[in-house]
Amino acid sequence: MARNSRSGGGKDAVATARRPEVRLPPLVPYEGEGLEPDGDYDGVRFEGTDLTDESGPGARFMDCALEGCALDRTELVRARFIDSVLTGVRGVGTDLAGASLRDVEVVDARLGGVQLHGAVLERVHVRGGKIDYLNLRTARLTDVVFEGCVLSEPDFGDAQLVRVEFRDCVLKRADFTSARMESVDLRTASELDIARGVERLAGAVISPVQLMELAPAFAAQIGVRVEA
């Protein structure tokens, strides 16, 4: 059963994210020759499949496993991933704008320039790997956990984050411009580097050490000069 507890027990405890519990059925190997627009993939294993430059807008992946697939410039606009696991996927310029991910695990991904603007992520666990220039502008994230991964220059501009956790992960030059947060836990992020939007951290919880590290940014935001 997915967790729906609160850390600690006090009235100010932060709500923890409900994690996906994906149990894949027996899968059939993918034997197609390319993705199809609005394609329906149910119980399929994509193993080492080269999906470079493939186009499958509106495709639906349910109870699927994508393992070691190449996703360079793959177009999956408005695609839906449900009860699926993506392991060791790699690529640059993957387009998932407006996509929907529900009960999905992403493990050891190596991606760059992923377009997820306007996407909806619900019960998603991103574990390990490195994602550069992740575009989540105007996206809605609910019960999402980033764990042990590196996010370089992620863009959360105008995004809505509810019960999102950053656990033992690195956030480099993150952009939270106009983001809205509720029960966002940043305390165990191994590195927290915010380029823009530090004033949008209302609704998030940080550690005392992080507060000290972010103090210059907070001071600059309210116009305070700090001089020795």
Foldseek 3Di string as FASTA:
>chain_A
DWDFDFPDDDPPTFTAFTAFDFDADQADEDDDDAADAQAEAERYEAAQAEHAPGEHANHEYESYEYELYEQALYHHDQYEYYSYEYEAYEYENREHDQYEYERYEYEAYHYENYHHDNYEYGNYEYEAHEYEAAEHDQYEYGRYEYENYEYAAYEDHNYEYENYEYACYAYHQYECHNYAAASYEDAHHPYDHHNYDPVRCVRYDYDPVVCVVCVVVVCVVVVHDDDD
